[in-house]
C-alpha atoms as a PDB file:
ATOM      1  CA  MET A   1      15.390 -15.186  36.860  1.00  0.00           C
ATOM      2  CA  LYS A   2      18.404 -12.944  36.429  1.00  0.00           C
ATOM      3  CA  LYS A   3      18.329  -9.199  36.868  1.00  0.00           C
ATOM      4  CA  ILE A   4      18.813  -6.947  33.854  1.00  0.00           C
ATOM      5  CA  SER A   5      22.093  -5.727  35.335  1.00  0.00           C
ATOM      6  CA  GLU A   6      23.371  -9.329  35.344  1.00  0.00           C
ATOM      7  CA  ILE A   7      22.887  -9.815  31.591  1.00  0.00           C
ATOM      8  CA  LYS A   8      26.316  -9.758  29.950  1.00  0.00           C
ATOM      9  CA  ARG A   9      26.284 -12.360  27.177  1.00  0.00           C
ATOM     10  CA  ILE A  10      23.580 -13.168  24.620  1.00  0.00           C
ATOM     11  CA  CYS A  11      23.028 -16.571  23.010  1.00  0.00           C
ATOM     12  CA  ASN A  12      22.033 -15.474  19.485  1.00  0.00           C
ATOM     13  CA  LEU A  13      20.731 -18.530  17.616  1.00  0.00           C
ATOM     14  CA  GLY A  14      20.636 -18.133  13.841  1.00  0.00           C
ATOM     15  CA  CYS A  15      22.651 -15.825  11.632  1.00  0.00           C
ATOM     16  CA  GLY A  16      20.387 -15.255   8.636  1.00  0.00           C
ATOM     17  CA  THR A  17      18.465 -12.092   7.745  1.00  0.00           C
ATOM     18  CA  MET A  18      17.120 -11.541  11.254  1.00  0.00           C
ATOM     19  CA  GLY A  19      19.829 -13.283  13.275  1.00  0.00           C
ATOM     20  CA  PHE A  20      22.729 -11.073  12.243  1.00  0.00           C
ATOM     21  CA  GLY A  21      20.498  -8.028  12.824  1.00  0.00           C
ATOM     22  CA  THR A  22      19.614  -8.983  16.401  1.00  0.00           C
ATOM     23  CA  ALA A  23      23.316  -9.654  17.020  1.00  0.00           C
ATOM     24  CA  ILE A  24      24.061  -6.076  15.958  1.00  0.00           C
ATOM     25  CA  ALA A  25      21.255  -4.691  18.137  1.00  0.00           C
ATOM     26  CA  PHE A  26      22.617  -6.311  21.307  1.00  0.00           C
ATOM     27  CA  ALA A  27      26.333  -5.907  20.518  1.00  0.00           C
ATOM     28  CA  GLN A  28      25.825  -2.207  19.807  1.00  0.00           C
ATOM     29  CA  LYS A  29      24.751  -1.770  23.424  1.00  0.00           C
ATOM     30  CA  GLY A  30      27.778  -3.560  24.865  1.00  0.00           C
ATOM     31  CA  TYR A  31      26.643  -7.180  25.123  1.00  0.00           C
ATOM     32  CA  GLU A  32      28.897 -10.073  24.149  1.00  0.00           C
ATOM     33  CA  ILE A  33      27.277 -12.293  21.526  1.00  0.00           C
ATOM     34  CA  ASN A  34      27.550 -16.041  20.914  1.00  0.00           C
ATOM     35  CA  LEU A  35      26.361 -16.065  17.282  1.00  0.00           C
ATOM     36  CA  PHE A  36      25.254 -19.564  16.297  1.00  0.00           C
ATOM     37  CA  GLY A  37      25.264 -20.917  12.745  1.00  0.00           C
ATOM     38  CA  ARG A  38      25.318 -24.560  11.656  1.00  0.00           C
ATOM     39  CA  LYS A  39      28.371 -24.127   9.431  1.00  0.00           C
ATOM     40  CA  ASP A  40      31.480 -21.950   9.297  1.00  0.00           C
ATOM     41  CA  ALA A  41      30.224 -20.650   5.944  1.00  0.00           C
ATOM     42  CA  SER A  42      27.057 -19.411   7.641  1.00  0.00           C
ATOM     43  CA  ILE A  43      29.086 -17.528  10.234  1.00  0.00           C
ATOM     44  CA  GLU A  44      31.335 -16.030   7.564  1.00  0.00           C
ATOM     45  CA  ARG A  45      28.312 -14.862   5.572  1.00  0.00           C
ATOM     46  CA  ALA A  46      26.737 -13.355   8.693  1.00  0.00           C
ATOM     47  CA  MET A  47      29.922 -11.485   9.622  1.00  0.00           C
ATOM     48  CA  LYS A  48      30.115 -10.131   6.065  1.00  0.00           C
ATOM     49  CA  ASN A  49      26.533  -8.884   6.387  1.00  0.00           C
ATOM     50  CA  ILE A  50      27.293  -7.405   9.801  1.00  0.00           C
ATOM     51  CA  ARG A  51      30.282  -5.471   8.467  1.00  0.00           C
ATOM     52  CA  PHE A  52      28.270  -4.261   5.479  1.00  0.00           C
ATOM     53  CA  THR A  53      25.374  -3.131   7.690  1.00  0.00           C
ATOM     54  CA  LEU A  54      27.632  -1.398  10.203  1.00  0.00           C
ATOM     55  CA  THR A  55      29.458   0.379   7.397  1.00  0.00           C
ATOM     56  CA  GLY A  56      26.116   1.761   6.246  1.00  0.00           C
ATOM     57  CA  MET A  57      25.341   2.913   9.787  1.00  0.00           C
ATOM     58  CA  LYS A  58      28.772   4.544   9.991  1.00  0.00           C
ATOM     59  CA  ASN A  59      28.304   6.302   6.651  1.00  0.00           C
ATOM     60  CA  ASN A  60      25.026   7.715   7.968  1.00  0.00           C
ATOM     61  CA  GLN A  61      26.642   8.978  11.204  1.00  0.00           C
ATOM     62  CA  ILE A  62      24.723   6.600  13.458  1.00  0.00           C
ATOM     63  CA  ILE A  63      27.998   5.081  14.718  1.00  0.00           C
ATOM     64  CA  ASP A  64      31.657   5.957  14.197  1.00  0.00           C
ATOM     65  CA  GLU A  65      34.619   3.810  13.157  1.00  0.00           C
ATOM     66  CA  GLN A  66      35.685   3.072  16.721  1.00  0.00           C
ATOM     67  CA  GLU A  67      32.209   1.970  17.755  1.00  0.00           C
ATOM     68  CA  MET A  68      31.898  -0.156  14.620  1.00  0.00           C
ATOM     69  CA  ASN A  69      35.067  -2.057  15.489  1.00  0.00           C
ATOM     70  CA  LYS A  70      33.913  -2.565  19.085  1.00  0.00           C
ATOM     71  CA  ILE A  71      30.590  -4.003  17.939  1.00  0.00           C
ATOM     72  CA  ILE A  72      32.325  -6.480  15.630  1.00  0.00           C
ATOM     73  CA  SER A  73      34.738  -7.520  18.390  1.00  0.00           C
ATOM     74  CA  ARG A  74      31.794  -8.467  20.645  1.00  0.00           C
ATOM     75  CA  ILE A  75      30.305 -10.956  18.164  1.00  0.00           C
ATOM     76  CA  HIS A  76      31.743 -14.476  18.391  1.00  0.00           C
ATOM     77  CA  GLY A  77      30.699 -17.092  15.842  1.00  0.00           C
ATOM     78  CA  VAL A  78      30.045 -20.665  17.034  1.00  0.00           C
ATOM     79  CA  THR A  79      28.753 -23.781  15.285  1.00  0.00           C
ATOM     80  CA  SER A  80      27.261 -25.800  18.148  1.00  0.00           C
ATOM     81  CA  ILE A  81      24.325 -25.177  20.471  1.00  0.00           C
ATOM     82  CA  LYS A  82      26.536 -26.048  23.414  1.00  0.00           C
ATOM     83  CA  ASP A  83      29.040 -23.326  22.561  1.00  0.00           C
ATOM     84  CA  ALA A  84      26.217 -20.869  21.879  1.00  0.00           C
ATOM     85  CA  ALA A  85      24.852 -21.516  25.366  1.00  0.00           C
ATOM     86  CA  LYS A  86      28.217 -21.106  27.128  1.00  0.00           C
ATOM     87  CA  ASP A  87      28.013 -18.374  29.791  1.00  0.00           C
ATOM     88  CA  ALA A  88      24.827 -17.032  28.175  1.00  0.00           C
ATOM     89  CA  ASP A  89      22.440 -14.918  30.254  1.00  0.00           C
ATOM     90  CA  PHE A  90      19.664 -14.551  27.674  1.00  0.00           C
ATOM     91  CA  VAL A  91      18.579 -16.331  24.479  1.00  0.00           C
ATOM     92  CA  ILE A  92      17.248 -14.765  21.289  1.00  0.00           C
ATOM     93  CA  GLU A  93      16.516 -17.259  18.512  1.00  0.00           C
ATOM     94  CA  SER A  94      16.068 -16.664  14.773  1.00  0.00           C
ATOM     95  CA  VAL A  95      16.512 -20.117  13.217  1.00  0.00           C
ATOM     96  CA  ALA A  96      14.245 -21.383  10.419  1.00  0.00           C
ATOM     97  CA  GLU A  97      10.528 -20.599  10.829  1.00  0.00           C
ATOM     98  CA  ASP A  98       9.728 -24.267  11.344  1.00  0.00           C
ATOM     99  CA  MET A  99       8.053 -25.614  14.483  1.00  0.00           C
ATOM    100  CA  ASP A 100      10.016 -28.882  14.621  1.00  0.00           C
ATOM    101  CA  ILE A 101      13.363 -27.157  14.124  1.00  0.00           C
ATOM    102  CA  LYS A 102      12.678 -24.561  16.782  1.00  0.00           C
ATOM    103  CA  GLN A 103      11.462 -27.134  19.290  1.00  0.00           C
ATOM    104  CA  SER A 104      14.509 -29.350  18.747  1.00  0.00           C
ATOM    105  CA  VAL A 105      16.857 -26.392  19.195  1.00  0.00           C
ATOM    106  CA  TYR A 106      15.210 -25.399  22.476  1.00  0.00           C
ATOM    107  CA  LYS A 107      15.152 -28.961  23.803  1.00  0.00           C
ATOM    108  CA  GLU A 108      18.892 -29.168  23.226  1.00  0.00           C
ATOM    109  CA  LEU A 109      19.417 -25.716  24.704  1.00  0.00           C
ATOM    110  CA  GLU A 110      17.700 -26.752  27.938  1.00  0.00           C
ATOM    111  CA  LYS A 111      20.512 -29.242  28.537  1.00  0.00           C
ATOM    112  CA  TYR A 112      23.007 -26.419  28.908  1.00  0.00           C
ATOM    113  CA  LEU A 113      21.112 -23.513  30.483  1.00  0.00           C
ATOM    114  CA  SER A 114      19.484 -23.263  33.903  1.00  0.00           C
ATOM    115  CA  ALA A 115      15.777 -22.526  34.375  1.00  0.00           C
ATOM    116  CA  ASP A 116      16.441 -18.872  35.260  1.00  0.00           C
ATOM    117  CA  ILE A 117      17.600 -18.051  31.707  1.00  0.00           C
ATOM    118  CA  VAL A 118      14.851 -16.542  29.553  1.00  0.00           C
ATOM    119  CA  PHE A 119      14.313 -18.018  26.077  1.00  0.00           C
ATOM    120  CA  ALA A 120      12.961 -15.643  23.410  1.00  0.00           C
ATOM    121  CA  THR A 121      12.096 -16.542  19.830  1.00  0.00           C
ATOM    122  CA  ASP A 122      12.057 -14.022  16.985  1.00  0.00           C
ATOM    123  CA  SER A 123       9.296 -15.965  15.243  1.00  0.00           C
ATOM    124  CA  SER A 124       7.065 -13.797  13.067  1.00  0.00           C
ATOM    125  CA  GLY A 125       3.906 -15.740  13.793  1.00  0.00           C
ATOM    126  CA  LEU A 126       4.318 -19.128  15.511  1.00  0.00           C
ATOM    127  CA  LEU A 127       2.407 -19.225  18.782  1.00  0.00           C
ATOM    128  CA  PRO A 128       4.748 -19.287  21.787  1.00  0.00           C
ATOM    129  CA  SER A 129       2.590 -21.870  23.596  1.00  0.00           C
ATOM    130  CA  GLN A 130       3.088 -24.312  20.731  1.00  0.00           C
ATOM    131  CA  VAL A 131       6.827 -23.696  20.385  1.00  0.00           C
ATOM    132  CA  ALA A 132       7.298 -24.102  24.156  1.00  0.00           C
ATOM    133  CA  SER A 133       5.000 -27.128  24.476  1.00  0.00           C
ATOM    134  CA  LYS A 134       7.884 -29.610  24.668  1.00  0.00           C
ATOM    135  CA  LEU A 135      10.048 -27.598  27.045  1.00  0.00           C
ATOM    136  CA  SER A 136      10.571 -28.510  30.684  1.00  0.00           C
ATOM    137  CA  HIS A 137      10.228 -24.818  31.610  1.00  0.00           C
ATOM    138  CA  PRO A 138       7.698 -23.177  29.239  1.00  0.00           C
ATOM    139  CA  GLU A 139       7.113 -20.476  31.837  1.00  0.00           C
ATOM    140  CA  ARG A 140      10.403 -18.786  30.842  1.00  0.00           C
ATOM    141  CA  PHE A 141       9.603 -18.769  27.108  1.00  0.00           C
ATOM    142  CA  VAL A 142       8.377 -15.734  25.160  1.00  0.00           C
ATOM    143  CA  VAL A 143       8.246 -14.299  21.645  1.00  0.00           C
ATOM    144  CA  ALA A 144      10.377 -11.221  20.926  1.00  0.00           C
ATOM    145  CA  HIS A 145       9.390 -10.458  17.332  1.00  0.00           C
ATOM    146  CA  PHE A 146      11.869  -7.996  15.834  1.00  0.00           C
ATOM    147  CA  TRP A 147      10.844  -6.368  12.558  1.00  0.00           C
ATOM    148  CA  ASN A 148      13.048  -6.441   9.479  1.00  0.00           C
ATOM    149  CA  PRO A 149      15.527  -4.805   9.179  1.00  0.00           C
ATOM    150  CA  PRO A 150      16.041  -5.134  12.947  1.00  0.00           C
ATOM    151  CA  HIS A 151      18.899  -2.600  13.086  1.00  0.00           C
ATOM    152  CA  LEU A 152      16.565   0.111  11.717  1.00  0.00           C
ATOM    153  CA  ILE A 153      13.014  -0.806  12.839  1.00  0.00           C
ATOM    154  CA  PRO A 154      12.452  -0.079  16.556  1.00  0.00           C
ATOM    155  CA  LEU A 155       9.362  -2.225  17.169  1.00  0.00           C
ATOM    156  CA  VAL A 156       9.600  -5.581  18.933  1.00  0.00           C
ATOM    157  CA  GLU A 157       6.381  -7.445  19.731  1.00  0.00           C
ATOM    158  CA  VAL A 158       6.667  -9.314  23.041  1.00  0.00           C
ATOM    159  CA  VAL A 159       4.154 -12.154  23.113  1.00  0.00           C
ATOM    160  CA  PRO A 160       3.564 -14.449  26.109  1.00  0.00           C
ATOM    161  CA  GLY A 161       2.518 -18.067  25.836  1.00  0.00           C
ATOM    162  CA  LYS A 162      -0.207 -19.514  28.038  1.00  0.00           C
ATOM    163  CA  GLU A 163       2.356 -20.511  30.662  1.00  0.00           C
ATOM    164  CA  THR A 164       4.745 -17.555  30.353  1.00  0.00           C
ATOM    165  CA  LYS A 165       5.256 -15.776  33.646  1.00  0.00           C
ATOM    166  CA  LYS A 166       4.313 -12.099  33.768  1.00  0.00           C
ATOM    167  CA  GLU A 167       7.761 -11.197  35.092  1.00  0.00           C
ATOM    168  CA  VAL A 168       9.353 -12.810  32.021  1.00  0.00           C
ATOM    169  CA  VAL A 169       7.440 -10.444  29.735  1.00  0.00           C
ATOM    170  CA  GLU A 170       8.398  -7.496  31.940  1.00  0.00           C
ATOM    171  CA  PHE A 171      12.030  -8.599  31.937  1.00  0.00           C
ATOM    172  CA  VAL A 172      12.199  -8.870  28.139  1.00  0.00           C
ATOM    173  CA  ILE A 173      10.513  -5.491  27.669  1.00  0.00           C
ATOM    174  CA  GLU A 174      13.037  -3.861  30.019  1.00  0.00           C
ATOM    175  CA  LEU A 175      15.975  -5.533  28.252  1.00  0.00           C
ATOM    176  CA  LEU A 176      14.708  -4.439  24.835  1.00  0.00           C
ATOM    177  CA  GLU A 177      14.239  -0.890  26.048  1.00  0.00           C
ATOM    178  CA  LYS A 178      17.826  -0.952  27.255  1.00  0.00           C
ATOM    179  CA  ILE A 179      19.058  -1.704  23.717  1.00  0.00           C
ATOM    180  CA  GLY A 180      16.986   1.153  22.303  1.00  0.00           C
ATOM    181  CA  LYS A 181      14.011  -0.769  20.942  1.00  0.00           C
ATOM    182  CA  LYS A 182      10.295   0.049  21.196  1.00  0.00           C
ATOM    183  CA  PRO A 183       8.854  -3.129  22.718  1.00  0.00           C
ATOM    184  CA  VAL A 184       5.119  -3.673  22.983  1.00  0.00           C
ATOM    185  CA  GLY A 185       3.830  -6.440  25.247  1.00  0.00           C
ATOM    186  CA  LEU A 186       0.707  -8.250  24.040  1.00  0.00           C
ATOM    187  CA  LYS A 187      -1.873  -9.261  26.615  1.00  0.00           C
ATOM    188  CA  LYS A 188      -2.082 -12.753  25.112  1.00  0.00           C
ATOM    189  CA  GLU A 189      -0.899 -14.693  22.073  1.00  0.00           C
ATOM    190  CA  ALA A 190      -2.687 -14.464  18.728  1.00  0.00           C
ATOM    191  CA  PRO A 191      -1.742 -15.983  15.340  1.00  0.00           C
ATOM    192  CA  GLY A 192       0.399 -13.451  13.486  1.00  0.00           C
ATOM    193  CA  PHE A 193       0.556 -11.323  16.649  1.00  0.00           C
ATOM    194  CA  ILE A 194      -0.579  -7.745  15.852  1.00  0.00           C
ATOM    195  CA  GLY A 195       1.819  -6.323  13.262  1.00  0.00           C
ATOM    196  CA  ASN A 196       1.391  -9.124  10.736  1.00  0.00           C
ATOM    197  CA  ARG A 197      -2.373  -9.238  11.210  1.00  0.00           C
ATOM    198  CA  LEU A 198      -2.522  -5.564  10.240  1.00  0.00           C
ATOM    199  CA  GLN A 199       0.021  -5.942   7.450  1.00  0.00           C
ATOM    200  CA  PHE A 200      -1.754  -8.881   5.841  1.00  0.00           C
ATOM    201  CA  ALA A 201      -5.198  -7.286   6.172  1.00  0.00           C
ATOM    202  CA  LEU A 202      -3.890  -4.351   4.131  1.00  0.00           C
ATOM    203  CA  LEU A 203      -2.172  -6.675   1.630  1.00  0.00           C
ATOM    204  CA  ARG A 204      -5.353  -8.747   1.192  1.00  0.00           C
ATOM    205  CA  GLU A 205      -7.371  -5.658   0.317  1.00  0.00           C
ATOM    206  CA  ALA A 206      -4.612  -4.272  -1.936  1.00  0.00           C
ATOM    207  CA  LEU A 207      -4.489  -7.480  -3.990  1.00  0.00           C
ATOM    208  CA  TYR A 208      -8.299  -7.634  -4.071  1.00  0.00           C
ATOM    209  CA  CYS A 209      -8.380  -4.146  -5.615  1.00  0.00           C
ATOM    210  CA  VAL A 210      -5.894  -5.188  -8.298  1.00  0.00           C
ATOM    211  CA  LYS A 211      -7.626  -8.513  -8.997  1.00  0.00           C
ATOM    212  CA  ASN A 212     -10.975  -6.773  -9.500  1.00  0.00           C
ATOM    213  CA  GLY A 213      -9.528  -4.162 -11.819  1.00  0.00           C
ATOM    214  CA  PHE A 214     -10.084  -1.154  -9.548  1.00  0.00           C
ATOM    215  CA  ALA A 215      -6.484  -0.003 -10.056  1.00  0.00           C
ATOM    216  CA  SER A 216      -3.058  -1.279 -11.093  1.00  0.00           C
ATOM    217  CA  ALA A 217      -0.573  -2.646  -8.563  1.00  0.00           C
ATOM    218  CA  GLU A 218       1.535   0.490  -9.069  1.00  0.00           C
ATOM    219  CA  ASP A 219      -1.416   2.792  -8.369  1.00  0.00           C
ATOM    220  CA  VAL A 220      -2.498   0.860  -5.271  1.00  0.00           C
ATOM    221  CA  ASP A 221       1.030   1.149  -3.866  1.00  0.00           C
ATOM    222  CA  THR A 222       1.151   4.864  -4.736  1.00  0.00           C
ATOM    223  CA  ILE A 223      -2.120   5.456  -2.903  1.00  0.00           C
ATOM    224  CA  CYS A 224      -0.719   3.739   0.194  1.00  0.00           C
ATOM    225  CA  LYS A 225       2.643   5.524   0.119  1.00  0.00           C
ATOM    226  CA  TYR A 226       1.240   9.029  -0.341  1.00  0.00           C
ATOM    227  CA  SER A 227      -1.723   8.839   2.047  1.00  0.00           C
ATOM    228  CA  ILE A 228      -2.036   6.345   4.884  1.00  0.00           C
ATOM    229  CA  GLY A 229       1.694   5.560   4.663  1.00  0.00           C
ATOM    230  CA  ARG A 230       2.525   9.172   5.484  1.00  0.00           C
ATOM    231  CA  ARG A 231       0.012   9.340   8.296  1.00  0.00           C
ATOM    232  CA  LEU A 232       0.683   5.999   9.991  1.00  0.00           C
ATOM    233  CA  GLY A 233       4.141   7.106  11.121  1.00  0.00           C
ATOM    234  CA  VAL A 234       2.418   9.602  13.424  1.00  0.00           C
ATOM    235  CA  THR A 235      -1.084   8.297  14.111  1.00  0.00           C
ATOM    236  CA  GLY A 236      -2.132   4.659  14.157  1.00  0.00           C
ATOM    237  CA  PRO A 237      -5.447   3.490  12.672  1.00  0.00           C
ATOM    238  CA  ILE A 238      -7.381   3.805  15.944  1.00  0.00           C
ATOM    239  CA  GLU A 239      -5.984   7.268  16.674  1.00  0.00           C
ATOM    240  CA  SER A 240      -6.820   8.293  13.096  1.00  0.00           C
ATOM    241  CA  ALA A 241     -10.412   7.175  13.576  1.00  0.00           C
ATOM    242  CA  ASP A 242     -10.737   9.197  16.775  1.00  0.00           C
ATOM    243  CA  LEU A 243      -9.145  12.247  15.148  1.00  0.00           C
ATOM    244  CA  GLY A 244     -11.342  11.954  12.055  1.00  0.00           C
ATOM    245  CA  GLY A 245     -14.507  11.465  14.082  1.00  0.00           C
ATOM    246  CA  LEU A 246     -16.002   8.128  15.065  1.00  0.00           C
ATOM    247  CA  ASP A 247     -19.375   9.150  13.641  1.00  0.00           C
ATOM    248  CA  ILE A 248     -17.792   9.517  10.203  1.00  0.00           C
ATOM    249  CA  PHE A 249     -15.671   6.374  10.442  1.00  0.00           C
ATOM    250  CA  TYR A 250     -18.608   4.342  11.739  1.00  0.00           C
ATOM    251  CA  SER A 251     -20.857   5.564   8.939  1.00  0.00           C
ATOM    252  CA  ILE A 252     -18.272   4.560   6.324  1.00  0.00           C
ATOM    253  CA  SER A 253     -17.619   1.179   7.943  1.00  0.00           C
ATOM    254  CA  ALA A 254     -21.348   0.424   8.033  1.00  0.00           C
ATOM    255  CA  TYR A 255     -21.582   0.349   4.226  1.00  0.00           C
ATOM    256  CA  LEU A 256     -17.958  -0.399   3.220  1.00  0.00           C
ATOM    257  CA  ASN A 257     -17.057  -3.362   5.437  1.00  0.00           C
ATOM    258  CA  SER A 258     -19.365  -5.706   3.549  1.00  0.00           C
ATOM    259  CA  GLU A 259     -17.567  -4.780   0.306  1.00  0.00           C
ATOM    260  CA  LEU A 260     -14.038  -5.496   1.540  1.00  0.00           C
ATOM    261  CA  ALA A 261     -12.014  -8.604   0.732  1.00  0.00           C
ATOM    262  CA  ALA A 262     -12.982 -11.478   3.001  1.00  0.00           C
ATOM    263  CA  ASP A 263     -11.297 -14.529   1.463  1.00  0.00           C
ATOM    264  CA  LYS A 264      -9.994 -16.941   4.070  1.00  0.00           C
ATOM    265  CA  LEU A 265      -7.408 -18.636   1.868  1.00  0.00           C
ATOM    266  CA  GLY A 266      -4.085 -17.287   0.647  1.00  0.00           C
ATOM    267  CA  SER A 267      -4.236 -14.780  -2.200  1.00  0.00           C
ATOM    268  CA  GLU A 268      -4.993 -16.379  -5.591  1.00  0.00           C
ATOM    269  CA  MET A 269      -2.750 -13.803  -7.273  1.00  0.00           C
ATOM    270  CA  MET A 270       0.197 -14.688  -5.055  1.00  0.00           C
ATOM    271  CA  ARG A 271      -0.456 -18.426  -5.375  1.00  0.00           C
ATOM    272  CA  ASN A 272      -0.397 -18.196  -9.171  1.00  0.00           C
ATOM    273  CA  CYS A 273       2.930 -16.358  -9.029  1.00  0.00           C
ATOM    274  CA  VAL A 274       4.435 -18.873  -6.621  1.00  0.00           C
ATOM    275  CA  GLU A 275       3.347 -21.807  -8.778  1.00  0.00           C
ATOM    276  CA  LYS A 276       5.149 -20.217 -11.730  1.00  0.00           C
ATOM    277  CA  GLY A 277       8.306 -19.583  -9.676  1.00  0.00           C
ATOM    278  CA  LEU A 278       7.712 -15.823  -9.727  1.00  0.00           C
ATOM    279  CA  LEU A 279       8.695 -15.079  -6.127  1.00  0.00           C
ATOM    280  CA  GLY A 280       9.251 -11.333  -6.331  1.00  0.00           C
ATOM    281  CA  ALA A 281      12.560  -9.513  -6.074  1.00  0.00           C
ATOM    282  CA  LYS A 282      14.443 -12.716  -5.142  1.00  0.00           C
ATOM    283  CA  SER A 283      13.605 -14.271  -8.519  1.00  0.00           C
ATOM    284  CA  GLY A 284      13.564 -11.088 -10.594  1.00  0.00           C
ATOM    285  CA  SER A 285       9.803 -10.844 -10.964  1.00  0.00           C
ATOM    286  CA  GLY A 286       6.563 -11.398  -9.096  1.00  0.00           C
ATOM    287  CA  LEU A 287       3.721  -8.892  -8.987  1.00  0.00           C
ATOM    288  CA  TYR A 288       6.375  -6.479 -10.304  1.00  0.00           C
ATOM    289  CA  ASN A 289       9.360  -6.978 -12.583  1.00  0.00           C
ATOM    290  CA  TRP A 290      12.672  -6.284 -10.825  1.00  0.00           C
ATOM    291  CA  ASP A 291      15.971  -5.561 -12.505  1.00  0.00           C
ATOM    292  CA  LYS A 292      19.104  -4.943 -10.462  1.00  0.00           C
ATOM    293  CA  ASP A 293      18.978  -1.167 -10.840  1.00  0.00           C
ATOM    294  CA  LYS A 294      15.319  -0.909  -9.842  1.00  0.00           C
ATOM    295  CA  LEU A 295      15.841  -3.173  -6.839  1.00  0.00           C
ATOM    296  CA  ALA A 296      18.942  -1.271  -5.691  1.00  0.00           C
ATOM    297  CA  GLU A 297      17.131   2.062  -6.008  1.00  0.00           C
ATOM    298  CA  ILE A 298      14.095   1.078  -3.956  1.00  0.00           C
ATOM    299  CA  GLN A 299      16.320  -0.535  -1.299  1.00  0.00           C
ATOM    300  CA  ARG A 300      18.376   2.666  -1.146  1.00  0.00           C
ATOM    301  CA  LYS A 301      15.254   4.805  -0.768  1.00  0.00           C
ATOM    302  CA  ARG A 302      13.796   2.547   1.898  1.00  0.00           C
ATOM    303  CA  GLU A 303      17.029   2.509   3.892  1.00  0.00           C
ATOM    304  CA  LYS A 304      17.374   6.300   3.702  1.00  0.00           C
ATOM    305  CA  ILE A 305      13.841   6.872   4.981  1.00  0.00           C
ATOM    306  CA  LEU A 306      14.239   4.306   7.774  1.00  0.00           C
ATOM    307  CA  ILE A 307      17.556   5.878   8.794  1.00  0.00           C
ATOM    308  CA  ASP A 308      15.927   9.326   8.874  1.00  0.00           C
ATOM    309  CA  TRP A 309      13.266   7.928  11.182  1.00  0.00           C
ATOM    310  CA  LEU A 310      15.904   6.219  13.323  1.00  0.00           C
ATOM    311  CA  LYS A 311      17.787   9.491  13.708  1.00  0.00           C
ATOM    312  CA  LYS A 312      14.562  11.123  14.918  1.00  0.00           C
ATOM    313  CA  ASP A 313      14.162   8.287  17.437  1.00  0.00           C
ATOM    314  CA  LEU A 314      17.744   8.671  18.656  1.00  0.00           C
ATOM    315  CA  SER A 315      17.270  12.432  19.047  1.00  0.00           C
ATOM    316  CA  GLY A 316      14.408  11.783  21.456  1.00  0.00           C
ATOM    317  CA  GLU A 317      11.820  13.322  19.154  1.00  0.00           C
ATOM    318  CA  LYS A 318       8.395  12.009  20.134  1.00  0.00           C
ATOM    319  CA  PHE A 319       5.500  11.072  17.865  1.00  0.00           C
END
């Protein structure tokens, strides 16, 4: 396996929502990027998104004009796996979240890259052991789950498969730290990893409260934003329990846990929306109604808050 100091060029597979973001993350720290998309139109769209995103970072004083131009110059669009693999020292993949597609991409990639090159997938929940099951060298395969938007969210979950070597996990964590991320290595794989398990547990209970008429969707979201949402940026749920007193938290859990949502299937509320084509902001309505102005405003607010947090991270402020 290569040393961190030997990593110069990244094979960045996929140029959609996550792919162009991981390209920015690595290019910003000086790495050359082979950005793979199936079609020239995909590359053009990704480069447009990259320029738009970098302009926002420039406008918020995270980078300057000169740095912006350097980042763009390091990203090279390609439309074949072979070209994406050329001279690559590390692979980060963000193609469609489909097991067959990912496995076929990696099988082809193995033709062009030696066994000392680490393969990392940005999958948000597929188990690395399953994705790597058809590879000749599954021991060099790992999940590196960036969170969206990857240029603003520092967390990356690093998840080993059953055959992943320990040094591969350590290598990926060190590389991610070098590009300014906050990587967390899991001890073993689990469906959904950790972040999505927590996120969907909260979502399940939120929808349960709405379904049972305890509160409106707007009020449930307000409760989250102005209470646990404020606190979670500083103390996680386990820290909060310790700080609040385990005697108190245990007492509450003893009577409340049996009352919480426990359905094992997907949310009925979400399923009904999906069946009607109400997919959320992308279709104009879902659990909320979204017009262009409302969507633009909430995206602006979210980006501003995430940028404020990023600036705190860059300043070295600890939480």
